[in-house]
PDB file of N, CA and C in Angstrom:
ATOM      1  N   MET A   1     -13.544  34.581   0.460  1.00  0.00           N
ATOM      2  CA  MET A   1     -14.551  34.541   1.482  1.00  0.00           C
ATOM      3  C   MET A   1     -14.622  35.908   2.170  1.00  0.00           C
ATOM      4  N   PRO A   2     -15.818  36.338   2.462  1.00  0.00           N
ATOM      5  CA  PRO A   2     -15.958  37.642   3.098  1.00  0.00           C
ATOM      6  C   PRO A   2     -15.455  37.670   4.544  1.00  0.00           C
ATOM      7  N   GLU A   3     -15.458  36.497   5.195  1.00  0.00           N
ATOM      8  CA  GLU A   3     -14.949  36.420   6.566  1.00  0.00           C
ATOM      9  C   GLU A   3     -14.556  34.990   6.897  1.00  0.00           C
ATOM     10  N   THR A   4     -13.700  34.835   7.897  1.00  0.00           N
ATOM     11  CA  THR A   4     -13.293  33.511   8.346  1.00  0.00           C
ATOM     12  C   THR A   4     -14.476  32.825   9.020  1.00  0.00           C
ATOM     13  N   ALA A   5     -14.777  31.598   8.573  1.00  0.00           N
ATOM     14  CA  ALA A   5     -15.918  30.870   9.137  1.00  0.00           C
ATOM     15  C   ALA A   5     -15.889  29.423   8.656  1.00  0.00           C
ATOM     16  N   ASN A   6     -16.770  28.617   9.237  1.00  0.00           N
ATOM     17  CA  ASN A   6     -17.000  27.260   8.762  1.00  0.00           C
ATOM     18  C   ASN A   6     -18.069  27.318   7.679  1.00  0.00           C
ATOM     19  N   TYR A   7     -17.814  26.630   6.573  1.00  0.00           N
ATOM     20  CA  TYR A   7     -18.734  26.631   5.445  1.00  0.00           C
ATOM     21  C   TYR A   7     -19.079  25.196   5.054  1.00  0.00           C
ATOM     22  N   THR A   8     -20.318  24.996   4.618  1.00  0.00           N
ATOM     23  CA  THR A   8     -20.719  23.762   3.959  1.00  0.00           C
ATOM     24  C   THR A   8     -20.809  24.091   2.479  1.00  0.00           C
ATOM     25  N   ILE A   9     -20.101  23.318   1.684  1.00  0.00           N
ATOM     26  CA  ILE A   9     -20.094  23.486   0.234  1.00  0.00           C
ATOM     27  C   ILE A   9     -20.847  22.293  -0.354  1.00  0.00           C
ATOM     28  N   SER A  10     -21.710  22.548  -1.336  1.00  0.00           N
ATOM     29  CA  SER A  10     -22.413  21.434  -1.975  1.00  0.00           C
ATOM     30  C   SER A  10     -22.437  21.635  -3.483  1.00  0.00           C
ATOM     31  N   LYS A  11     -22.582  20.495  -4.173  1.00  0.00           N
ATOM     32  CA  LYS A  11     -22.670  20.500  -5.629  1.00  0.00           C
ATOM     33  C   LYS A  11     -23.815  19.607  -6.040  1.00  0.00           C
ATOM     34  N   LEU A  12     -24.655  20.118  -6.905  1.00  0.00           N
ATOM     35  CA  LEU A  12     -25.766  19.380  -7.485  1.00  0.00           C
ATOM     36  C   LEU A  12     -25.358  19.064  -8.911  1.00  0.00           C
ATOM     37  N   SER A  13     -25.215  17.782  -9.225  1.00  0.00           N
ATOM     38  CA  SER A  13     -24.781  17.438 -10.579  1.00  0.00           C
ATOM     39  C   SER A  13     -25.445  16.164 -11.072  1.00  0.00           C
ATOM     40  N   ASP A  14     -25.573  16.105 -12.387  1.00  0.00           N
ATOM     41  CA  ASP A  14     -26.040  14.914 -13.079  1.00  0.00           C
ATOM     42  C   ASP A  14     -24.794  14.332 -13.746  1.00  0.00           C
ATOM     43  N   ASP A  15     -24.350  13.284 -13.196  1.00  0.00           N
ATOM     44  CA  ASP A  15     -23.098  12.581 -13.451  1.00  0.00           C
ATOM     45  C   ASP A  15     -21.987  13.221 -12.624  1.00  0.00           C
ATOM     46  N   GLY A  16     -20.776  12.844 -12.884  1.00  0.00           N
ATOM     47  CA  GLY A  16     -19.688  13.068 -11.940  1.00  0.00           C
ATOM     48  C   GLY A  16     -19.159  14.468 -11.823  1.00  0.00           C
ATOM     49  N   SER A  17     -18.810  14.832 -10.589  1.00  0.00           N
ATOM     50  CA  SER A  17     -18.175  16.121 -10.347  1.00  0.00           C
ATOM     51  C   SER A  17     -17.385  16.068  -9.046  1.00  0.00           C
ATOM     52  N   LYS A  18     -16.344  16.869  -9.009  1.00  0.00           N
ATOM     53  CA  LYS A  18     -15.522  17.037  -7.810  1.00  0.00           C
ATOM     54  C   LYS A  18     -15.231  18.517  -7.648  1.00  0.00           C
ATOM     55  N   LEU A  19     -15.166  18.986  -6.403  1.00  0.00           N
ATOM     56  CA  LEU A  19     -14.854  20.381  -6.132  1.00  0.00           C
ATOM     57  C   LEU A  19     -13.676  20.434  -5.164  1.00  0.00           C
ATOM     58  N   PHE A  20     -12.656  21.182  -5.570  1.00  0.00           N
ATOM     59  CA  PHE A  20     -11.456  21.357  -4.760  1.00  0.00           C
ATOM     60  C   PHE A  20     -11.341  22.820  -4.343  1.00  0.00           C
ATOM     61  N   ILE A  21     -10.930  23.069  -3.116  1.00  0.00           N
ATOM     62  CA  ILE A  21     -10.599  24.417  -2.655  1.00  0.00           C
ATOM     63  C   ILE A  21      -9.170  24.375  -2.150  1.00  0.00           C
ATOM     64  N   ASP A  22      -8.350  25.250  -2.706  1.00  0.00           N
ATOM     65  CA  ASP A  22      -6.918  25.284  -2.370  1.00  0.00           C
ATOM     66  C   ASP A  22      -6.286  23.903  -2.514  1.00  0.00           C
ATOM     67  N   ASN A  23      -6.642  23.220  -3.618  1.00  0.00           N
ATOM     68  CA  ASN A  23      -6.117  21.898  -3.996  1.00  0.00           C
ATOM     69  C   ASN A  23      -6.537  20.769  -3.059  1.00  0.00           C
ATOM     70  N   LYS A  24      -7.511  21.002  -2.186  1.00  0.00           N
ATOM     71  CA  LYS A  24      -8.008  19.960  -1.277  1.00  0.00           C
ATOM     72  C   LYS A  24      -9.416  19.569  -1.718  1.00  0.00           C
ATOM     73  N   LEU A  25      -9.656  18.259  -1.892  1.00  0.00           N
ATOM     74  CA  LEU A  25     -10.974  17.779  -2.292  1.00  0.00           C
ATOM     75  C   LEU A  25     -11.977  18.054  -1.170  1.00  0.00           C
ATOM     76  N   ILE A  26     -13.001  18.828  -1.469  1.00  0.00           N
ATOM     77  CA  ILE A  26     -14.016  19.189  -0.487  1.00  0.00           C
ATOM     78  C   ILE A  26     -15.326  18.446  -0.743  1.00  0.00           C
ATOM     79  N   VAL A  27     -15.739  18.365  -2.018  1.00  0.00           N
ATOM     80  CA  VAL A  27     -16.985  17.677  -2.369  1.00  0.00           C
ATOM     81  C   VAL A  27     -16.702  16.672  -3.475  1.00  0.00           C
ATOM     82  N   ASN A  28     -17.026  15.404  -3.206  1.00  0.00           N
ATOM     83  CA  ASN A  28     -16.839  14.344  -4.185  1.00  0.00           C
ATOM     84  C   ASN A  28     -18.213  13.811  -4.574  1.00  0.00           C
ATOM     85  N   ASN A  29     -18.664  14.152  -5.764  1.00  0.00           N
ATOM     86  CA  ASN A  29     -19.947  13.683  -6.284  1.00  0.00           C
ATOM     87  C   ASN A  29     -19.685  12.949  -7.600  1.00  0.00           C
ATOM     88  N   ASN A  30     -18.645  12.128  -7.591  1.00  0.00           N
ATOM     89  CA  ASN A  30     -18.166  11.487  -8.808  1.00  0.00           C
ATOM     90  C   ASN A  30     -18.987  10.259  -9.155  1.00  0.00           C
ATOM     91  N   GLY A  31     -18.851   9.803 -10.378  1.00  0.00           N
ATOM     92  CA  GLY A  31     -19.521   8.600 -10.847  1.00  0.00           C
ATOM     93  C   GLY A  31     -20.690   8.938 -11.760  1.00  0.00           C
ATOM     94  N   ILE A  32     -21.226   7.897 -12.374  1.00  0.00           N
ATOM     95  CA  ILE A  32     -22.385   8.053 -13.256  1.00  0.00           C
ATOM     96  C   ILE A  32     -23.630   7.913 -12.388  1.00  0.00           C
ATOM     97  N   HIS A  33     -24.447   8.972 -12.346  1.00  0.00           N
ATOM     98  CA  HIS A  33     -25.642   8.951 -11.499  1.00  0.00           C
ATOM     99  C   HIS A  33     -26.641   9.991 -11.977  1.00  0.00           C
ATOM    100  N   TRP A  34     -27.866   9.850 -11.503  1.00  0.00           N
ATOM    101  CA  TRP A  34     -28.893  10.857 -11.753  1.00  0.00           C
ATOM    102  C   TRP A  34     -28.555  12.096 -10.951  1.00  0.00           C
ATOM    103  N   LEU A  35     -29.375  13.114 -11.067  1.00  0.00           N
ATOM    104  CA  LEU A  35     -29.182  14.352 -10.348  1.00  0.00           C
ATOM    105  C   LEU A  35     -29.024  14.069  -8.848  1.00  0.00           C
ATOM    106  N   ASN A  36     -27.901  14.494  -8.286  1.00  0.00           N
ATOM    107  CA  ASN A  36     -27.569  14.200  -6.892  1.00  0.00           C
ATOM    108  C   ASN A  36     -26.797  15.369  -6.299  1.00  0.00           C
ATOM    109  N   GLU A  37     -27.066  15.678  -5.030  1.00  0.00           N
ATOM    110  CA  GLU A  37     -26.337  16.737  -4.337  1.00  0.00           C
ATOM    111  C   GLU A  37     -25.426  16.113  -3.286  1.00  0.00           C
ATOM    112  N   ALA A  38     -24.175  16.511  -3.308  1.00  0.00           N
ATOM    113  CA  ALA A  38     -23.183  16.022  -2.347  1.00  0.00           C
ATOM    114  C   ALA A  38     -22.620  17.212  -1.578  1.00  0.00           C
ATOM    115  N   TYR A  39     -22.155  16.949  -0.348  1.00  0.00           N
ATOM    116  CA  TYR A  39     -21.755  18.018   0.572  1.00  0.00           C
ATOM    117  C   TYR A  39     -20.349  17.790   1.114  1.00  0.00           C
ATOM    118  N   GLY A  40     -19.719  18.883   1.524  1.00  0.00           N
ATOM    119  CA  GLY A  40     -18.445  18.836   2.223  1.00  0.00           C
ATOM    120  C   GLY A  40     -18.335  20.050   3.130  1.00  0.00           C
ATOM    121  N   ALA A  41     -17.585  19.929   4.210  1.00  0.00           N
ATOM    122  CA  ALA A  41     -17.431  21.032   5.162  1.00  0.00           C
ATOM    123  C   ALA A  41     -15.974  21.467   5.197  1.00  0.00           C
ATOM    124  N   VAL A  42     -15.767  22.781   5.383  1.00  0.00           N
ATOM    125  CA  VAL A  42     -14.411  23.313   5.398  1.00  0.00           C
ATOM    126  C   VAL A  42     -14.401  24.630   6.161  1.00  0.00           C
ATOM    127  N   LYS A  43     -13.317  24.882   6.898  1.00  0.00           N
ATOM    128  CA  LYS A  43     -13.124  26.191   7.514  1.00  0.00           C
ATOM    129  C   LYS A  43     -12.253  26.993   6.557  1.00  0.00           C
ATOM    130  N   LEU A  44     -12.746  28.177   6.175  1.00  0.00           N
ATOM    131  CA  LEU A  44     -12.015  29.025   5.239  1.00  0.00           C
ATOM    132  C   LEU A  44     -11.692  30.357   5.885  1.00  0.00           C
ATOM    133  N   GLU A  45     -10.472  30.794   5.667  1.00  0.00           N
ATOM    134  CA  GLU A  45     -10.032  32.099   6.147  1.00  0.00           C
ATOM    135  C   GLU A  45     -10.561  33.186   5.216  1.00  0.00           C
ATOM    136  N   LYS A  46     -10.723  34.380   5.724  1.00  0.00           N
ATOM    137  CA  LYS A  46     -11.152  35.523   4.925  1.00  0.00           C
ATOM    138  C   LYS A  46     -10.170  35.716   3.764  1.00  0.00           C
ATOM    139  N   GLY A  47     -10.693  36.027   2.590  1.00  0.00           N
ATOM    140  CA  GLY A  47      -9.843  36.288   1.444  1.00  0.00           C
ATOM    141  C   GLY A  47     -10.122  35.352   0.284  1.00  0.00           C
ATOM    142  N   PHE A  48      -9.219  35.369  -0.688  1.00  0.00           N
ATOM    143  CA  PHE A  48      -9.377  34.584  -1.906  1.00  0.00           C
ATOM    144  C   PHE A  48      -8.872  33.159  -1.705  1.00  0.00           C
ATOM    145  N   HIS A  49      -9.518  32.211  -2.401  1.00  0.00           N
ATOM    146  CA  HIS A  49      -9.137  30.807  -2.374  1.00  0.00           C
ATOM    147  C   HIS A  49      -9.218  30.254  -3.783  1.00  0.00           C
ATOM    148  N   LYS A  50      -8.347  29.317  -4.084  1.00  0.00           N
ATOM    149  CA  LYS A  50      -8.345  28.669  -5.393  1.00  0.00           C
ATOM    150  C   LYS A  50      -9.484  27.647  -5.437  1.00  0.00           C
ATOM    151  N   LEU A  51     -10.337  27.753  -6.457  1.00  0.00           N
ATOM    152  CA  LEU A  51     -11.474  26.863  -6.645  1.00  0.00           C
ATOM    153  C   LEU A  51     -11.291  26.117  -7.961  1.00  0.00           C
ATOM    154  N   ASN A  52     -11.424  24.799  -7.915  1.00  0.00           N
ATOM    155  CA  ASN A  52     -11.301  23.979  -9.113  1.00  0.00           C
ATOM    156  C   ASN A  52     -12.443  22.979  -9.115  1.00  0.00           C
ATOM    157  N   ILE A  53     -13.162  22.895 -10.236  1.00  0.00           N
ATOM    158  CA  ILE A  53     -14.275  21.959 -10.370  1.00  0.00           C
ATOM    159  C   ILE A  53     -14.021  21.083 -11.586  1.00  0.00           C
ATOM    160  N   SER A  54     -14.114  19.772 -11.390  1.00  0.00           N
ATOM    161  CA  SER A  54     -14.065  18.851 -12.528  1.00  0.00           C
ATOM    162  C   SER A  54     -15.457  18.252 -12.668  1.00  0.00           C
ATOM    163  N   TYR A  55     -15.869  18.037 -13.920  1.00  0.00           N
ATOM    164  CA  TYR A  55     -17.234  17.594 -14.180  1.00  0.00           C
ATOM    165  C   TYR A  55     -17.284  16.811 -15.483  1.00  0.00           C
ATOM    166  N   PHE A  56     -18.120  15.769 -15.507  1.00  0.00           N
ATOM    167  CA  PHE A  56     -18.408  15.104 -16.773  1.00  0.00           C
ATOM    168  C   PHE A  56     -19.879  14.717 -16.804  1.00  0.00           C
ATOM    169  N   GLY A  57     -20.445  14.715 -17.995  1.00  0.00           N
ATOM    170  CA  GLY A  57     -21.813  14.273 -18.212  1.00  0.00           C
ATOM    171  C   GLY A  57     -21.791  13.116 -19.189  1.00  0.00           C
ATOM    172  N   GLN A  58     -22.550  12.071 -18.898  1.00  0.00           N
ATOM    173  CA  GLN A  58     -22.538  10.918 -19.787  1.00  0.00           C
ATOM    174  C   GLN A  58     -23.904  10.682 -20.409  1.00  0.00           C
ATOM    175  N   ILE A  59     -24.908  10.385 -19.591  1.00  0.00           N
ATOM    176  CA  ILE A  59     -26.233  10.139 -20.147  1.00  0.00           C
ATOM    177  C   ILE A  59     -27.245  11.012 -19.414  1.00  0.00           C
ATOM    178  N   GLY A  60     -28.359  11.292 -20.058  1.00  0.00           N
ATOM    179  CA  GLY A  60     -29.392  12.105 -19.423  1.00  0.00           C
ATOM    180  C   GLY A  60     -29.037  13.578 -19.490  1.00  0.00           C
ATOM    181  N   GLY A  61     -29.503  14.313 -18.499  1.00  0.00           N
ATOM    182  CA  GLY A  61     -29.309  15.760 -18.464  1.00  0.00           C
ATOM    183  C   GLY A  61     -27.893  16.164 -18.112  1.00  0.00           C
ATOM    184  N   THR A  62     -27.663  17.454 -18.169  1.00  0.00           N
ATOM    185  CA  THR A  62     -26.369  18.009 -17.762  1.00  0.00           C
ATOM    186  C   THR A  62     -26.642  19.163 -16.801  1.00  0.00           C
ATOM    187  N   THR A  63     -26.420  18.899 -15.534  1.00  0.00           N
ATOM    188  CA  THR A  63     -26.651  19.896 -14.491  1.00  0.00           C
ATOM    189  C   THR A  63     -25.424  19.995 -13.611  1.00  0.00           C
ATOM    190  N   LEU A  64     -25.019  21.218 -13.303  1.00  0.00           N
ATOM    191  CA  LEU A  64     -23.946  21.454 -12.335  1.00  0.00           C
ATOM    192  C   LEU A  64     -24.213  22.789 -11.650  1.00  0.00           C
ATOM    193  N   ASN A  65     -24.572  22.733 -10.379  1.00  0.00           N
ATOM    194  CA  ASN A  65     -24.782  23.928  -9.569  1.00  0.00           C
ATOM    195  C   ASN A  65     -23.952  23.784  -8.302  1.00  0.00           C
ATOM    196  N   CYS A  66     -23.345  24.891  -7.860  1.00  0.00           N
ATOM    197  CA  CYS A  66     -22.516  24.883  -6.657  1.00  0.00           C
ATOM    198  C   CYS A  66     -23.087  25.861  -5.638  1.00  0.00           C
ATOM    199  N   PHE A  67     -23.081  25.447  -4.376  1.00  0.00           N
ATOM    200  CA  PHE A  67     -23.656  26.239  -3.305  1.00  0.00           C
ATOM    201  C   PHE A  67     -22.675  26.333  -2.144  1.00  0.00           C
ATOM    202  N   MET A  68     -22.843  27.393  -1.334  1.00  0.00           N
ATOM    203  CA  MET A  68     -22.090  27.473  -0.085  1.00  0.00           C
ATOM    204  C   MET A  68     -23.024  27.984   0.999  1.00  0.00           C
ATOM    205  N   GLN A  69     -22.755  27.535   2.206  1.00  0.00           N
ATOM    206  CA  GLN A  69     -23.564  27.933   3.338  1.00  0.00           C
ATOM    207  C   GLN A  69     -22.650  28.214   4.516  1.00  0.00           C
ATOM    208  N   LYS A  70     -22.624  29.456   4.941  1.00  0.00           N
ATOM    209  CA  LYS A  70     -21.856  29.830   6.122  1.00  0.00           C
ATOM    210  C   LYS A  70     -22.606  29.300   7.333  1.00  0.00           C
ATOM    211  N   GLU A  71     -21.868  28.806   8.307  1.00  0.00           N
ATOM    212  CA  GLU A  71     -22.473  28.255   9.507  1.00  0.00           C
ATOM    213  C   GLU A  71     -23.497  29.227  10.092  1.00  0.00           C
ATOM    214  N   GLY A  72     -24.742  28.755  10.283  1.00  0.00           N
ATOM    215  CA  GLY A  72     -25.799  29.571  10.849  1.00  0.00           C
ATOM    216  C   GLY A  72     -26.551  30.431   9.851  1.00  0.00           C
ATOM    217  N   LYS A  73     -26.200  30.345   8.561  1.00  0.00           N
ATOM    218  CA  LYS A  73     -26.841  31.159   7.516  1.00  0.00           C
ATOM    219  C   LYS A  73     -27.526  30.257   6.494  1.00  0.00           C
ATOM    220  N   GLU A  74     -28.263  30.864   5.556  1.00  0.00           N
ATOM    221  CA  GLU A  74     -28.931  30.124   4.490  1.00  0.00           C
ATOM    222  C   GLU A  74     -27.960  29.703   3.404  1.00  0.00           C
ATOM    223  N   LYS A  75     -28.253  28.572   2.769  1.00  0.00           N
ATOM    224  CA  LYS A  75     -27.473  28.100   1.626  1.00  0.00           C
ATOM    225  C   LYS A  75     -27.726  29.019   0.445  1.00  0.00           C
ATOM    226  N   GLN A  76     -26.637  29.405  -0.264  1.00  0.00           N
ATOM    227  CA  GLN A  76     -26.748  30.272  -1.433  1.00  0.00           C
ATOM    228  C   GLN A  76     -25.934  29.693  -2.575  1.00  0.00           C
ATOM    229  N   GLU A  77     -26.449  29.860  -3.791  1.00  0.00           N
ATOM    230  CA  GLU A  77     -25.704  29.423  -4.965  1.00  0.00           C
ATOM    231  C   GLU A  77     -24.477  30.322  -5.140  1.00  0.00           C
ATOM    232  N   ILE A  78     -23.353  29.733  -5.481  1.00  0.00           N
ATOM    233  CA  ILE A  78     -22.138  30.507  -5.753  1.00  0.00           C
ATOM    234  C   ILE A  78     -22.331  31.216  -7.082  1.00  0.00           C
ATOM    235  N   SER A  79     -22.220  32.528  -7.066  1.00  0.00           N
ATOM    236  CA  SER A  79     -22.491  33.312  -8.270  1.00  0.00           C
ATOM    237  C   SER A  79     -21.186  33.725  -8.964  1.00  0.00           C
ATOM    238  N   ALA A  80     -21.306  34.087 -10.215  1.00  0.00           N
ATOM    239  CA  ALA A  80     -20.138  34.532 -10.991  1.00  0.00           C
ATOM    240  C   ALA A  80     -19.481  35.752 -10.356  1.00  0.00           C
ATOM    241  N   SER A  81     -20.272  36.592  -9.688  1.00  0.00           N
ATOM    242  CA  SER A  81     -19.723  37.798  -9.070  1.00  0.00           C
ATOM    243  C   SER A  81     -18.808  37.480  -7.879  1.00  0.00           C
ATOM    244  N   GLN A  82     -18.891  36.253  -7.368  1.00  0.00           N
ATOM    245  CA  GLN A  82     -18.034  35.845  -6.254  1.00  0.00           C
ATOM    246  C   GLN A  82     -16.723  35.220  -6.737  1.00  0.00           C
ATOM    247  N   LEU A  83     -16.594  35.047  -8.040  1.00  0.00           N
ATOM    248  CA  LEU A  83     -15.430  34.386  -8.606  1.00  0.00           C
ATOM    249  C   LEU A  83     -14.484  35.414  -9.218  1.00  0.00           C
ATOM    250  N   TYR A  84     -13.219  35.075  -9.189  1.00  0.00           N
ATOM    251  CA  TYR A  84     -12.177  35.946  -9.727  1.00  0.00           C
ATOM    252  C   TYR A  84     -11.221  35.060 -10.516  1.00  0.00           C
ATOM    253  N   TYR A  85     -10.942  35.436 -11.738  1.00  0.00           N
ATOM    254  CA  TYR A  85     -10.047  34.657 -12.592  1.00  0.00           C
ATOM    255  C   TYR A  85      -8.714  35.384 -12.700  1.00  0.00           C
ATOM    256  N   GLU A  86      -7.658  34.634 -12.477  1.00  0.00           N
ATOM    257  CA  GLU A  86      -6.310  35.223 -12.539  1.00  0.00           C
ATOM    258  C   GLU A  86      -5.536  34.623 -13.672  1.00  0.00           C
TER     259      GLU A  86
END
């Protein structure tokens, strides 16, 4: 995170998905369903955080998009340039 703040994290998925930050479940959009967006709120300190996403697709389309919104700012899709693999 570029700075310490409160963030809303959301995931748009067709069928089940869960998003964890630092091993804590933040967004639960699990189950078999049509395209649906689910939200979670978290305060994150400046710096790197462990991000884990689980996802499955069963019937219909396959969509998975992740977004974050800093308090008071516009929602933005999480881009590959914001991710770091160790």
